[in-house]
């Protein structure tokens, strides 16, 4: 039995060619788009720190299982404990940080050598004005010793809170001081990495404490 060969209708070959040409154009455009997106995404990931939502592949990123070498800051017996605080609410704007206190916490260093100072800051906080896509915005907490920050103010600032709900939060820092009079000043500001504008940070019921150890 002989197979029947049906003739190809006119215009079919041309239609196939056109379809293939259109597919080639679409695939080419898609490849260009993906390449451009990849370039943009890669640049953004390198430009942002992990805390600002950068990709885990960035050089500064760490996995959950990567241990770090801790900084040791040991002291001896407690010599003095100092505190200042406020029960009046304050609103802070975008960084750079703003001072929360009109006066600093003042204390004396040792006659010679060094003392260890454990600094603790706690406050009621709320990040206001958050919109969608602002998961990497927060209130930066900062304490200055004699005008110099003793908390992280680099690419990975110390986040006091990023919550839109009222909550109590705290952080600590440990430093060595020498002779003389020293001053601690609490500061705060809002770090915005998303598209939100006009975000503010609520700070209330804060306490700054310094434990001076031998």
C-alpha atoms as a PDB file:
ATOM      1  CA  UNK A   1       0.000   0.000   0.000  1.00  0.00           C
ATOM      2  CA  UNK A   2       1.468   3.299  -1.042  1.00  0.00           C
ATOM      3  CA  UNK A   3       1.492   6.280   1.330  1.00  0.00           C
ATOM      4  CA  UNK A   4      -0.386   9.271   0.153  1.00  0.00           C
ATOM      5  CA  UNK A   5       1.674  12.452   0.059  1.00  0.00           C
ATOM      6  CA  UNK A   6      -0.502  15.465   0.478  1.00  0.00           C
ATOM      7  CA  UNK A   7       0.623  18.688  -1.149  1.00  0.00           C
ATOM      8  CA  UNK A   8       1.587  21.533   1.152  1.00  0.00           C
ATOM      9  CA  UNK A   9      -0.838  24.416   0.795  1.00  0.00           C
ATOM     10  CA  UNK A  10       0.520  27.581  -0.635  1.00  0.00           C
ATOM     11  CA  UNK A  11       1.739  30.093   1.944  1.00  0.00           C
ATOM     12  CA  UNK A  12       2.513  27.484   4.631  1.00  0.00           C
ATOM     13  CA  UNK A  13       6.268  27.604   4.101  1.00  0.00           C
ATOM     14  CA  UNK A  14       6.143  31.388   4.297  1.00  0.00           C
ATOM     15  CA  UNK A  15       4.069  31.194   7.518  1.00  0.00           C
ATOM     16  CA  UNK A  16       6.586  28.833   9.105  1.00  0.00           C
ATOM     17  CA  UNK A  17       9.399  31.167   8.173  1.00  0.00           C
ATOM     18  CA  UNK A  18       7.579  34.166   9.634  1.00  0.00           C
ATOM     19  CA  UNK A  19       6.771  32.248  12.829  1.00  0.00           C
ATOM     20  CA  UNK A  20      10.388  31.230  13.240  1.00  0.00           C
ATOM     21  CA  UNK A  21      11.526  34.803  12.602  1.00  0.00           C
ATOM     22  CA  UNK A  22       9.104  36.146  15.224  1.00  0.00           C
ATOM     23  CA  UNK A  23      10.263  33.558  17.735  1.00  0.00           C
ATOM     24  CA  UNK A  24      13.874  34.538  17.088  1.00  0.00           C
ATOM     25  CA  UNK A  25      13.052  38.202  17.666  1.00  0.00           C
ATOM     26  CA  UNK A  26      11.171  37.436  20.917  1.00  0.00           C
ATOM     27  CA  UNK A  27      13.920  35.153  22.222  1.00  0.00           C
ATOM     28  CA  UNK A  28      16.565  37.717  21.332  1.00  0.00           C
ATOM     29  CA  UNK A  29      14.677  40.513  23.061  1.00  0.00           C
ATOM     30  CA  UNK A  30      14.108  38.316  26.110  1.00  0.00           C
ATOM     31  CA  UNK A  31      17.804  37.470  26.297  1.00  0.00           C
ATOM     32  CA  UNK A  32      18.748  41.142  26.079  1.00  0.00           C
ATOM     33  CA  UNK A  33      16.213  41.984  28.795  1.00  0.00           C
ATOM     34  CA  UNK A  34      17.500  39.250  31.086  1.00  0.00           C
ATOM     35  CA  UNK A  35      21.075  40.342  30.525  1.00  0.00           C
ATOM     36  CA  UNK A  36      20.212  43.927  31.354  1.00  0.00           C
ATOM     37  CA  UNK A  37      18.256  42.861  34.415  1.00  0.00           C
ATOM     38  CA  UNK A  38      21.096  40.646  35.518  1.00  0.00           C
ATOM     39  CA  UNK A  39      23.563  43.483  35.191  1.00  0.00           C
ATOM     40  CA  UNK A  40      21.335  45.847  37.137  1.00  0.00           C
ATOM     41  CA  UNK A  41      20.572  43.308  39.850  1.00  0.00           C
ATOM     42  CA  UNK A  42      24.221  42.400  40.218  1.00  0.00           C
ATOM     43  CA  UNK A  43      25.231  46.038  40.568  1.00  0.00           C
ATOM     44  CA  UNK A  44      22.550  46.695  43.182  1.00  0.00           C
ATOM     45  CA  UNK A  45      23.597  43.642  45.178  1.00  0.00           C
ATOM     46  CA  UNK A  46      27.215  44.767  45.262  1.00  0.00           C
ATOM     47  CA  UNK A  47      26.258  48.342  46.146  1.00  0.00           C
ATOM     48  CA  UNK A  48      24.052  47.311  49.098  1.00  0.00           C
ATOM     49  CA  UNK A  49      25.199  45.811  52.363  1.00  0.00           C
ATOM     50  CA  UNK A  50      23.489  42.622  53.609  1.00  0.00           C
ATOM     51  CA  UNK A  51      21.669  44.735  56.189  1.00  0.00           C
ATOM     52  CA  UNK A  52      20.285  46.901  53.393  1.00  0.00           C
ATOM     53  CA  UNK A  53      18.956  43.875  51.515  1.00  0.00           C
ATOM     54  CA  UNK A  54      22.051  43.080  49.460  1.00  0.00           C
ATOM     55  CA  UNK A  55      22.436  39.624  47.931  1.00  0.00           C
ATOM     56  CA  UNK A  56      23.986  36.835  49.977  1.00  0.00           C
ATOM     57  CA  UNK A  57      26.702  36.597  47.328  1.00  0.00           C
ATOM     58  CA  UNK A  58      28.147  39.994  48.269  1.00  0.00           C
ATOM     59  CA  UNK A  59      31.588  39.952  49.793  1.00  0.00           C
ATOM     60  CA  UNK A  60      30.391  41.256  53.144  1.00  0.00           C
ATOM     61  CA  UNK A  61      27.604  38.686  53.542  1.00  0.00           C
ATOM     62  CA  UNK A  62      27.863  35.790  55.974  1.00  0.00           C
ATOM     63  CA  UNK A  63      25.865  32.597  56.253  1.00  0.00           C
ATOM     64  CA  UNK A  64      24.073  31.662  59.447  1.00  0.00           C
ATOM     65  CA  UNK A  65      26.667  29.003  60.209  1.00  0.00           C
ATOM     66  CA  UNK A  66      29.763  31.163  59.776  1.00  0.00           C
ATOM     67  CA  UNK A  67      31.324  31.883  63.194  1.00  0.00           C
ATOM     68  CA  UNK A  68      32.942  35.232  63.885  1.00  0.00           C
ATOM     69  CA  UNK A  69      35.856  36.171  66.083  1.00  0.00           C
ATOM     70  CA  UNK A  70      34.361  38.157  68.999  1.00  0.00           C
ATOM     71  CA  UNK A  71      35.891  41.319  70.386  1.00  0.00           C
ATOM     72  CA  UNK A  72      36.928  40.861  74.021  1.00  0.00           C
ATOM     73  CA  UNK A  73      36.260  43.743  76.432  1.00  0.00           C
ATOM     74  CA  UNK A  74      36.717  42.534  80.005  1.00  0.00           C
ATOM     75  CA  UNK A  75      36.755  44.578  83.199  1.00  0.00           C
ATOM     76  CA  UNK A  76      37.089  44.061  86.927  1.00  0.00           C
ATOM     77  CA  UNK A  77      35.011  45.123  89.902  1.00  0.00           C
ATOM     78  CA  UNK A  78      32.209  47.624  89.433  1.00  0.00           C
ATOM     79  CA  UNK A  79      33.314  51.122  90.478  1.00  0.00           C
ATOM     80  CA  UNK A  80      30.366  53.322  89.518  1.00  0.00           C
ATOM     81  CA  UNK A  81      27.065  53.143  87.655  1.00  0.00           C
ATOM     82  CA  UNK A  82      25.668  56.249  85.949  1.00  0.00           C
ATOM     83  CA  UNK A  83      22.369  56.851  84.143  1.00  0.00           C
ATOM     84  CA  UNK A  84      20.486  59.600  82.352  1.00  0.00           C
ATOM     85  CA  UNK A  85      17.074  59.228  80.738  1.00  0.00           C
ATOM     86  CA  UNK A  86      13.892  60.845  79.514  1.00  0.00           C
ATOM     87  CA  UNK A  87      10.162  60.074  79.592  1.00  0.00           C
ATOM     88  CA  UNK A  88       9.347  62.651  76.904  1.00  0.00           C
ATOM     89  CA  UNK A  89       8.765  61.330  73.386  1.00  0.00           C
ATOM     90  CA  UNK A  90      10.940  62.500  70.524  1.00  0.00           C
ATOM     91  CA  UNK A  91      10.732  62.092  66.744  1.00  0.00           C
ATOM     92  CA  UNK A  92      13.920  61.687  64.740  1.00  0.00           C
ATOM     93  CA  UNK A  93      14.322  62.093  60.995  1.00  0.00           C
ATOM     94  CA  UNK A  94      16.715  60.630  58.418  1.00  0.00           C
ATOM     95  CA  UNK A  95      20.386  60.087  59.192  1.00  0.00           C
ATOM     96  CA  UNK A  96      22.764  61.641  60.067  1.00  0.00           C
ATOM     97  CA  UNK A  97      21.675  60.837  63.595  1.00  0.00           C
ATOM     98  CA  UNK A  98      20.370  63.508  65.929  1.00  0.00           C
ATOM     99  CA  UNK A  99      21.264  63.960  69.595  1.00  0.00           C
ATOM    100  CA  UNK A 100      18.543  62.831  72.009  1.00  0.00           C
ATOM    101  CA  UNK A 101      19.887  64.650  75.049  1.00  0.00           C
ATOM    102  CA  UNK A 102      20.699  68.295  75.722  1.00  0.00           C
ATOM    103  CA  UNK A 103      23.329  67.161  78.233  1.00  0.00           C
ATOM    104  CA  UNK A 104      25.733  64.249  78.114  1.00  0.00           C
ATOM    105  CA  UNK A 105      26.252  61.508  80.666  1.00  0.00           C
ATOM    106  CA  UNK A 106      29.508  62.618  82.305  1.00  0.00           C
ATOM    107  CA  UNK A 107      31.931  60.466  84.277  1.00  0.00           C
ATOM    108  CA  UNK A 108      35.591  60.492  85.295  1.00  0.00           C
ATOM    109  CA  UNK A 109      38.191  58.078  84.026  1.00  0.00           C
ATOM    110  CA  UNK A 110      40.873  56.480  86.214  1.00  0.00           C
ATOM    111  CA  UNK A 111      43.837  58.454  87.609  1.00  0.00           C
ATOM    112  CA  UNK A 112      46.055  56.282  85.424  1.00  0.00           C
ATOM    113  CA  UNK A 113      45.697  53.299  83.147  1.00  0.00           C
ATOM    114  CA  UNK A 114      42.248  52.404  81.797  1.00  0.00           C
ATOM    115  CA  UNK A 115      38.768  51.562  82.991  1.00  0.00           C
ATOM    116  CA  UNK A 116      36.245  49.395  81.165  1.00  0.00           C
ATOM    117  CA  UNK A 117      32.864  50.989  80.492  1.00  0.00           C
ATOM    118  CA  UNK A 118      29.802  48.906  79.635  1.00  0.00           C
ATOM    119  CA  UNK A 119      27.250  51.173  77.942  1.00  0.00           C
ATOM    120  CA  UNK A 120      23.564  50.242  77.689  1.00  0.00           C
ATOM    121  CA  UNK A 121      20.838  52.160  75.854  1.00  0.00           C
ATOM    122  CA  UNK A 122      17.159  51.197  75.969  1.00  0.00           C
ATOM    123  CA  UNK A 123      14.034  52.924  74.647  1.00  0.00           C
ATOM    124  CA  UNK A 124      10.456  52.560  73.545  1.00  0.00           C
ATOM    125  CA  UNK A 125      10.529  52.782  69.757  1.00  0.00           C
ATOM    126  CA  UNK A 126       8.414  52.781  66.614  1.00  0.00           C
ATOM    127  CA  UNK A 127       9.385  53.251  62.966  1.00  0.00           C
ATOM    128  CA  UNK A 128       6.678  55.379  61.345  1.00  0.00           C
ATOM    129  CA  UNK A 129       5.766  55.961  57.706  1.00  0.00           C
ATOM    130  CA  UNK A 130       6.714  52.513  56.389  1.00  0.00           C
ATOM    131  CA  UNK A 131       5.301  51.597  52.961  1.00  0.00           C
ATOM    132  CA  UNK A 132       5.444  48.398  50.905  1.00  0.00           C
ATOM    133  CA  UNK A 133       8.948  47.418  49.884  1.00  0.00           C
ATOM    134  CA  UNK A 134      10.598  49.075  52.878  1.00  0.00           C
ATOM    135  CA  UNK A 135      11.649  45.925  54.675  1.00  0.00           C
ATOM    136  CA  UNK A 136      15.193  47.187  55.083  1.00  0.00           C
ATOM    137  CA  UNK A 137      14.501  50.498  56.832  1.00  0.00           C
ATOM    138  CA  UNK A 138      15.205  50.998  60.509  1.00  0.00           C
ATOM    139  CA  UNK A 139      15.986  53.410  63.346  1.00  0.00           C
ATOM    140  CA  UNK A 140      19.725  53.571  63.851  1.00  0.00           C
ATOM    141  CA  UNK A 141      20.873  53.697  67.476  1.00  0.00           C
ATOM    142  CA  UNK A 142      24.143  55.441  68.254  1.00  0.00           C
ATOM    143  CA  UNK A 143      26.161  56.439  71.308  1.00  0.00           C
ATOM    144  CA  UNK A 144      29.086  58.852  71.098  1.00  0.00           C
ATOM    145  CA  UNK A 145      31.969  58.877  73.566  1.00  0.00           C
ATOM    146  CA  UNK A 146      33.626  62.282  73.633  1.00  0.00           C
ATOM    147  CA  UNK A 147      32.085  63.015  70.237  1.00  0.00           C
ATOM    148  CA  UNK A 148      33.171  59.757  68.593  1.00  0.00           C
ATOM    149  CA  UNK A 149      30.695  56.907  67.886  1.00  0.00           C
ATOM    150  CA  UNK A 150      31.315  53.688  69.839  1.00  0.00           C
ATOM    151  CA  UNK A 151      28.525  51.897  67.962  1.00  0.00           C
ATOM    152  CA  UNK A 152      28.705  50.710  64.362  1.00  0.00           C
ATOM    153  CA  UNK A 153      28.017  53.581  61.963  1.00  0.00           C
ATOM    154  CA  UNK A 154      29.494  51.983  58.833  1.00  0.00           C
ATOM    155  CA  UNK A 155      27.706  50.043  56.076  1.00  0.00           C
ATOM    156  CA  UNK A 156      26.080  47.858  58.751  1.00  0.00           C
ATOM    157  CA  UNK A 157      24.741  50.431  61.196  1.00  0.00           C
ATOM    158  CA  UNK A 158      23.366  49.371  64.548  1.00  0.00           C
ATOM    159  CA  UNK A 159      19.601  48.954  64.132  1.00  0.00           C
ATOM    160  CA  UNK A 160      17.683  49.870  67.264  1.00  0.00           C
ATOM    161  CA  UNK A 161      14.425  48.752  65.629  1.00  0.00           C
ATOM    162  CA  UNK A 162      12.707  48.352  62.280  1.00  0.00           C
ATOM    163  CA  UNK A 163       9.265  47.636  63.669  1.00  0.00           C
ATOM    164  CA  UNK A 164       6.156  49.714  62.871  1.00  0.00           C
ATOM    165  CA  UNK A 165       4.725  48.639  66.252  1.00  0.00           C
ATOM    166  CA  UNK A 166       5.558  50.078  69.654  1.00  0.00           C
ATOM    167  CA  UNK A 167       8.235  47.985  71.349  1.00  0.00           C
ATOM    168  CA  UNK A 168      11.064  48.294  73.851  1.00  0.00           C
ATOM    169  CA  UNK A 169      14.544  47.765  72.417  1.00  0.00           C
ATOM    170  CA  UNK A 170      18.106  48.012  73.695  1.00  0.00           C
ATOM    171  CA  UNK A 171      21.751  47.694  72.681  1.00  0.00           C
ATOM    172  CA  UNK A 172      25.114  47.669  74.431  1.00  0.00           C
ATOM    173  CA  UNK A 173      28.672  48.710  73.731  1.00  0.00           C
ATOM    174  CA  UNK A 174      31.929  48.205  75.624  1.00  0.00           C
ATOM    175  CA  UNK A 175      34.908  50.583  75.561  1.00  0.00           C
ATOM    176  CA  UNK A 176      38.132  51.347  77.413  1.00  0.00           C
ATOM    177  CA  UNK A 177      38.742  54.869  78.737  1.00  0.00           C
ATOM    178  CA  UNK A 178      41.767  56.591  80.188  1.00  0.00           C
ATOM    179  CA  UNK A 179      42.173  59.500  82.618  1.00  0.00           C
ATOM    180  CA  UNK A 180      40.045  62.615  82.319  1.00  0.00           C
ATOM    181  CA  UNK A 181      36.379  63.541  82.091  1.00  0.00           C
ATOM    182  CA  UNK A 182      34.368  61.601  79.512  1.00  0.00           C
ATOM    183  CA  UNK A 183      30.963  62.242  77.970  1.00  0.00           C
ATOM    184  CA  UNK A 184      28.430  59.818  76.509  1.00  0.00           C
ATOM    185  CA  UNK A 185      25.685  61.121  74.203  1.00  0.00           C
ATOM    186  CA  UNK A 186      22.738  59.082  72.837  1.00  0.00           C
ATOM    187  CA  UNK A 187      21.741  59.654  69.215  1.00  0.00           C
ATOM    188  CA  UNK A 188      19.247  58.199  66.719  1.00  0.00           C
ATOM    189  CA  UNK A 189      18.143  58.585  63.108  1.00  0.00           C
ATOM    190  CA  UNK A 190      16.172  56.790  60.394  1.00  0.00           C
ATOM    191  CA  UNK A 191      17.962  54.749  57.715  1.00  0.00           C
ATOM    192  CA  UNK A 192      15.900  54.427  54.507  1.00  0.00           C
ATOM    193  CA  UNK A 193      16.848  51.837  51.871  1.00  0.00           C
ATOM    194  CA  UNK A 194      13.419  51.431  50.273  1.00  0.00           C
ATOM    195  CA  UNK A 195      11.165  53.894  48.521  1.00  0.00           C
ATOM    196  CA  UNK A 196       9.562  55.387  51.624  1.00  0.00           C
ATOM    197  CA  UNK A 197       9.840  59.121  52.104  1.00  0.00           C
ATOM    198  CA  UNK A 198       9.085  61.024  55.263  1.00  0.00           C
ATOM    199  CA  UNK A 199       9.769  58.137  57.627  1.00  0.00           C
ATOM    200  CA  UNK A 200      10.278  59.133  61.259  1.00  0.00           C
ATOM    201  CA  UNK A 201      11.455  57.320  64.361  1.00  0.00           C
ATOM    202  CA  UNK A 202       9.577  57.490  67.658  1.00  0.00           C
ATOM    203  CA  UNK A 203      11.876  57.441  70.719  1.00  0.00           C
ATOM    204  CA  UNK A 204      10.408  57.526  74.213  1.00  0.00           C
ATOM    205  CA  UNK A 205      11.188  56.387  77.769  1.00  0.00           C
ATOM    206  CA  UNK A 206      14.876  56.017  77.011  1.00  0.00           C
ATOM    207  CA  UNK A 207      17.693  55.325  79.453  1.00  0.00           C
ATOM    208  CA  UNK A 208      21.436  55.576  78.883  1.00  0.00           C
ATOM    209  CA  UNK A 209      23.511  53.691  81.459  1.00  0.00           C
ATOM    210  CA  UNK A 210      27.274  53.448  81.934  1.00  0.00           C
ATOM    211  CA  UNK A 211      28.807  50.841  84.252  1.00  0.00           C
ATOM    212  CA  UNK A 212      32.427  51.754  84.987  1.00  0.00           C
ATOM    213  CA  UNK A 213      34.601  48.746  85.871  1.00  0.00           C
ATOM    214  CA  UNK A 214      38.171  48.580  87.091  1.00  0.00           C
END
